[in-house]
Amino acid sequence: MEDLNGSSRRYKGDSIWLHDLPENLDDIAHLKGLILHHADRLRELPKNIGILTNLTNLLMCGSRLTNLENIGNLTKLTSLDLYDNRSLLSLPESIGNLTNLTYLCSRQGKLTTLPESIGSLVNLTHLALRSNKITNLPESISNLVNLTHLDLSSNQLDSLPESILSLTNLIELDLSNNPLTDLSVLQKLPSLKEVRFLGVNLPRRYWEKLSDWRPEWLLDEENADVRCVLVAQVRHQSICDRLEATLLDS
């Protein structure tokens, strides 16, 4: 462990772990990977951050970033992880400059919307936005045609846009802890194999309006967790009435 202008550092190959950026970025211009862990003094990225021309992987977790505008200067990035940046209220339009990104994570934050420019990230395969305050998805999300994994869990989505139908390569989708009532748009996604919602992985027949779920499905549903979710949604009395159940013991 050494100091780089007062910042503790750890090396792993061509990557480095820091608690703050050095004053002279030339000192780390050769890096391909950079981890900024709990950089409490960091509020924004410096304008000359683009000097890190070799940087492909950047992780900034547990920091106090409020302005990320200059992130658009790191055009070689393929992976960007912004985990646990609770002072960051939005992603800048300049993030659309990062067209080489394949992985973008901004979990445990306070994002309420996504910029339209996110649609420029056409090489993105993984997008993780768990535990934010997102209420809707931009129309430009339809451009993310290479997306295979999308995590929108623990947000405030009450509907899914038709534009999501363009995500024809999507394999896994997590919608847990969102106030959604209609999943029927998902039926038209040809590659989608796993949808997580209401705490379980839902089989395809449940990708409908929740009001259209049928008590009869209980008769051949083998997954106990899914059965519990089904009972909770269609209600006990409705099940008894529709299935003409006989009361044996109260």
Protein backbone atom coordinates (compact mmCIF):
# COMPACT_ATOMS: atom_id res chain seq x y z
CA MET A 1 0.00 0.00 0.00
CA GLU A 2 1.41 3.40 -1.03
CA ASP A 3 0.21 6.97 -1.47
CA LEU A 4 -0.51 8.74 -4.73
CA ASN A 5 -1.00 12.40 -3.76
CA GLY A 6 -2.51 11.20 -0.52
CA SER A 7 -4.72 8.50 -2.02
CA SER A 8 -4.29 4.91 -0.90
CA ARG A 9 -3.87 2.56 -3.84
CA ARG A 10 -3.89 -1.13 -4.69
CA TYR A 11 -2.73 -2.55 -7.98
CA LYS A 12 -4.00 -5.56 -9.87
CA GLY A 13 -2.37 -5.80 -13.25
CA ASP A 14 -3.27 -2.70 -15.24
CA SER A 15 -5.99 -1.67 -12.76
CA ILE A 16 -5.87 0.43 -9.60
CA TRP A 17 -8.02 0.92 -6.48
CA LEU A 18 -8.15 4.48 -5.11
CA HIS A 19 -10.07 6.48 -2.52
CA ASP A 20 -9.65 9.69 -4.52
CA LEU A 21 -8.38 10.84 -7.89
CA PRO A 22 -4.77 12.11 -7.97
CA GLU A 23 -4.21 15.77 -8.80
CA ASN A 24 -2.14 14.79 -11.81
CA LEU A 25 -4.12 12.36 -13.95
CA ASP A 26 -1.02 11.73 -16.07
CA ASP A 27 0.10 9.45 -13.24
CA ILE A 28 -2.69 7.00 -14.04
CA ALA A 29 -3.17 7.68 -17.77
CA HIS A 30 -1.94 4.17 -18.64
CA LEU A 31 -4.66 2.38 -16.69
CA LYS A 32 -7.34 0.18 -18.23
CA GLY A 33 -9.26 -0.31 -14.96
CA LEU A 34 -10.01 2.12 -12.14
CA ILE A 35 -11.92 1.53 -8.91
CA LEU A 36 -12.87 4.60 -6.87
CA HIS A 37 -14.11 3.18 -3.59
CA HIS A 38 -15.87 5.54 -1.15
CA ALA A 39 -14.26 8.62 -2.65
CA ASP A 40 -16.04 10.92 -0.19
CA ARG A 41 -14.42 14.10 -1.48
CA LEU A 42 -15.32 13.45 -5.10
CA ARG A 43 -18.36 15.48 -6.24
CA GLU A 44 -17.70 15.51 -9.98
CA LEU A 45 -15.22 14.19 -12.51
CA PRO A 46 -12.57 16.66 -13.69
CA LYS A 47 -12.90 18.11 -17.19
CA ASN A 48 -9.62 16.50 -18.24
CA ILE A 49 -10.79 12.99 -17.25
CA GLY A 50 -10.60 12.15 -20.95
CA ILE A 51 -6.82 11.98 -20.58
CA LEU A 52 -7.41 8.40 -19.39
CA THR A 53 -7.52 7.21 -22.99
CA ASN A 54 -6.85 3.56 -22.11
CA LEU A 55 -9.60 3.28 -19.49
CA THR A 56 -12.17 0.59 -20.33
CA ASN A 57 -13.48 -0.33 -16.85
CA LEU A 58 -14.57 2.22 -14.25
CA LEU A 59 -16.21 1.46 -10.92
CA MET A 60 -17.21 4.33 -8.61
CA CYS A 61 -19.05 2.96 -5.59
CA GLY A 62 -20.17 4.60 -2.37
CA SER A 63 -19.08 8.07 -3.47
CA ARG A 64 -20.83 11.44 -3.20
CA LEU A 65 -20.98 12.31 -6.87
CA THR A 66 -23.57 14.94 -7.77
CA ASN A 67 -22.41 15.76 -11.32
CA LEU A 68 -21.32 13.16 -13.84
CA GLU A 69 -21.33 15.34 -16.97
CA ASN A 70 -17.67 14.74 -17.84
CA ILE A 71 -18.17 10.96 -17.96
CA GLY A 72 -18.87 11.43 -21.66
CA ASN A 73 -15.17 12.08 -22.24
CA LEU A 74 -14.26 8.47 -21.39
CA THR A 75 -15.28 7.13 -24.78
CA LYS A 76 -13.28 3.87 -24.51
CA LEU A 77 -15.29 2.61 -21.52
CA THR A 78 -16.89 -0.80 -21.93
CA SER A 79 -17.98 -1.17 -18.29
CA LEU A 80 -19.30 1.54 -15.95
CA ASP A 81 -20.48 0.76 -12.42
CA LEU A 82 -21.97 3.57 -10.30
CA TYR A 83 -23.18 1.42 -7.40
CA ASP A 84 -24.37 3.26 -4.28
CA ASN A 85 -24.00 6.87 -5.39
CA ARG A 86 -26.96 8.23 -3.44
CA SER A 87 -26.23 11.88 -4.17
CA LEU A 88 -26.47 11.35 -7.91
CA LEU A 89 -30.01 12.31 -8.98
CA SER A 90 -29.63 11.85 -12.73
CA LEU A 91 -27.40 10.51 -15.46
CA PRO A 92 -26.16 13.20 -17.90
CA GLU A 93 -27.02 13.33 -21.58
CA SER A 94 -23.28 12.99 -22.23
CA ILE A 95 -23.49 9.33 -21.19
CA GLY A 96 -24.70 8.75 -24.74
CA ASN A 97 -21.09 9.31 -25.88
CA LEU A 98 -20.08 5.98 -24.31
CA THR A 99 -21.07 3.94 -27.31
CA ASN A 100 -18.60 1.14 -26.46
CA LEU A 101 -20.34 0.33 -23.18
CA THR A 102 -21.56 -3.23 -22.82
CA TYR A 103 -22.25 -3.03 -19.06
CA LEU A 104 -23.88 -0.14 -17.18
CA CYS A 105 -24.84 -0.35 -13.51
CA SER A 106 -26.36 2.38 -11.35
CA ARG A 107 -27.87 0.44 -8.45
CA GLN A 108 -28.78 1.80 -5.02
CA GLY A 109 -29.22 5.40 -6.14
CA LYS A 110 -31.85 8.10 -6.46
CA LEU A 111 -32.39 8.26 -10.21
CA THR A 112 -35.94 9.21 -11.16
CA THR A 113 -35.55 9.16 -14.95
CA LEU A 114 -33.10 8.06 -17.63
CA PRO A 115 -31.77 10.44 -20.30
CA GLU A 116 -32.97 9.97 -23.87
CA SER A 117 -29.32 9.65 -24.89
CA ILE A 118 -29.17 6.24 -23.23
CA GLY A 119 -30.54 4.98 -26.52
CA SER A 120 -27.12 5.67 -28.06
CA LEU A 121 -25.59 2.83 -26.04
CA VAL A 122 -26.34 0.34 -28.78
CA ASN A 123 -23.68 -2.17 -27.65
CA LEU A 124 -25.11 -2.46 -24.14
CA THR A 125 -25.87 -6.04 -23.08
CA HIS A 126 -26.36 -5.56 -19.32
CA LEU A 127 -28.25 -2.67 -17.71
CA ALA A 128 -28.70 -2.76 -13.91
CA LEU A 129 -30.82 -0.04 -12.28
CA ARG A 130 -32.03 -1.76 -9.12
CA SER A 131 -33.19 0.33 -6.15
CA ASN A 132 -33.72 3.76 -7.65
CA LYS A 133 -36.86 5.89 -8.02
CA ILE A 134 -37.45 5.50 -11.76
CA THR A 135 -41.08 6.10 -12.75
CA ASN A 136 -40.89 5.57 -16.52
CA LEU A 137 -38.55 4.44 -19.29
CA PRO A 138 -37.56 6.71 -22.20
CA GLU A 139 -38.74 5.83 -25.69
CA SER A 140 -35.10 5.61 -26.77
CA ILE A 141 -34.70 2.40 -24.78
CA SER A 142 -35.97 0.73 -27.96
CA ASN A 143 -32.50 1.30 -29.48
CA LEU A 144 -30.83 -1.07 -27.01
CA VAL A 145 -31.32 -4.03 -29.32
CA ASN A 146 -28.33 -5.97 -27.96
CA LEU A 147 -29.57 -5.87 -24.37
CA THR A 148 -29.78 -9.35 -22.83
CA HIS A 149 -30.11 -8.59 -19.10
CA LEU A 150 -32.21 -5.77 -17.62
CA ASP A 151 -32.67 -5.19 -13.88
CA LEU A 152 -35.36 -2.62 -13.01
CA SER A 153 -36.25 -4.04 -9.61
CA SER A 154 -37.21 -1.82 -6.68
CA ASN A 155 -38.23 1.22 -8.69
CA GLN A 156 -41.58 2.97 -9.16
CA LEU A 157 -42.66 1.74 -12.59
CA ASP A 158 -46.43 1.36 -12.93
CA SER A 159 -46.39 0.46 -16.64
CA LEU A 160 -44.11 -0.91 -19.36
CA PRO A 161 -43.83 1.05 -22.63
CA GLU A 162 -44.46 -0.47 -26.05
CA SER A 163 -40.89 0.53 -26.96
CA ILE A 164 -39.65 -2.38 -24.86
CA LEU A 165 -40.80 -4.66 -27.69
CA SER A 166 -37.66 -3.72 -29.63
CA LEU A 167 -35.49 -5.53 -27.08
CA THR A 168 -35.68 -8.75 -29.05
CA ASN A 169 -32.47 -10.19 -27.54
CA LEU A 170 -33.58 -9.68 -23.93
CA ILE A 171 -33.20 -12.92 -21.94
CA GLU A 172 -33.63 -11.90 -18.30
CA LEU A 173 -35.80 -9.14 -16.84
CA ASP A 174 -36.19 -8.27 -13.15
CA LEU A 175 -39.27 -6.19 -12.31
CA SER A 176 -39.51 -7.04 -8.61
CA ASN A 177 -40.92 -4.40 -6.27
CA ASN A 178 -42.58 -2.21 -8.87
CA PRO A 179 -46.31 -1.29 -8.77
CA LEU A 180 -47.02 -2.96 -12.11
CA THR A 181 -50.40 -4.48 -12.94
CA ASP A 182 -49.90 -5.50 -16.57
CA LEU A 183 -47.07 -7.66 -17.95
CA SER A 184 -48.77 -8.63 -21.21
CA VAL A 185 -46.35 -6.69 -23.43
CA LEU A 186 -43.65 -9.19 -22.43
CA GLN A 187 -45.41 -11.99 -24.32
CA LYS A 188 -44.11 -10.51 -27.57
CA LEU A 189 -40.41 -10.65 -26.62
CA PRO A 190 -39.10 -13.75 -28.45
CA SER A 191 -35.89 -14.37 -26.47
CA LEU A 192 -37.19 -13.60 -22.98
CA LYS A 193 -36.83 -16.63 -20.71
CA GLU A 194 -36.90 -15.28 -17.15
CA VAL A 195 -39.13 -12.61 -15.62
CA ARG A 196 -38.80 -11.93 -11.90
CA PHE A 197 -41.77 -10.22 -10.29
CA LEU A 198 -43.55 -10.37 -6.91
CA GLY A 199 -40.51 -12.18 -5.50
CA VAL A 200 -40.58 -15.17 -7.88
CA ASN A 201 -39.59 -16.20 -11.38
CA LEU A 202 -42.90 -16.11 -13.21
CA PRO A 203 -43.71 -18.72 -15.89
CA ARG A 204 -44.77 -17.25 -19.22
CA ARG A 205 -48.50 -17.72 -18.74
CA TYR A 206 -48.37 -15.16 -15.90
CA TRP A 207 -47.04 -12.46 -18.22
CA GLU A 208 -50.52 -10.98 -18.49
CA LYS A 209 -52.64 -8.42 -16.71
CA LEU A 210 -52.68 -9.46 -13.07
CA SER A 211 -56.46 -9.12 -13.16
CA ASP A 212 -56.53 -11.90 -15.79
CA TRP A 213 -54.71 -14.46 -13.63
CA ARG A 214 -56.90 -17.54 -13.25
CA PRO A 215 -57.63 -19.58 -10.11
CA GLU A 216 -57.59 -22.73 -12.29
CA TRP A 217 -53.83 -22.36 -12.68
CA LEU A 218 -53.49 -23.54 -9.09
CA LEU A 219 -54.50 -27.04 -10.18
CA ASP A 220 -51.35 -27.62 -12.25
CA GLU A 221 -48.89 -25.10 -10.80
CA GLU A 222 -46.02 -27.14 -9.37
CA ASN A 223 -43.98 -24.25 -7.94
CA ALA A 224 -45.08 -23.58 -4.35
CA ASP A 225 -43.79 -19.99 -4.37
CA VAL A 226 -45.71 -19.19 -7.54
CA ARG A 227 -48.84 -20.76 -6.04
CA CYS A 228 -48.54 -18.44 -3.03
CA VAL A 229 -48.24 -15.42 -5.32
CA LEU A 230 -51.24 -16.58 -7.34
CA VAL A 231 -53.37 -17.02 -4.22
CA ALA A 232 -52.40 -13.56 -3.00
CA GLN A 233 -53.41 -11.99 -6.31
CA VAL A 234 -56.71 -13.73 -7.08
CA ARG A 235 -57.81 -13.91 -3.43
CA HIS A 236 -58.96 -16.91 -1.43
CA GLN A 237 -62.72 -16.51 -1.83
CA SER A 238 -62.47 -16.10 -5.59
CA ILE A 239 -60.50 -19.34 -5.78
CA CYS A 240 -63.11 -21.21 -3.78
CA ASP A 241 -65.94 -19.85 -5.91
CA ARG A 242 -64.30 -20.44 -9.30
CA LEU A 243 -63.10 -23.94 -8.43
CA GLU A 244 -66.37 -24.86 -6.68
CA ALA A 245 -64.42 -25.92 -3.63
CA THR A 246 -66.15 -27.73 -0.76
CA LEU A 247 -65.49 -26.54 2.78
CA LEU A 248 -64.10 -29.43 4.83
CA ASP A 249 -62.86 -27.59 7.91
CA SER A 250 -62.91 -23.97 9.00
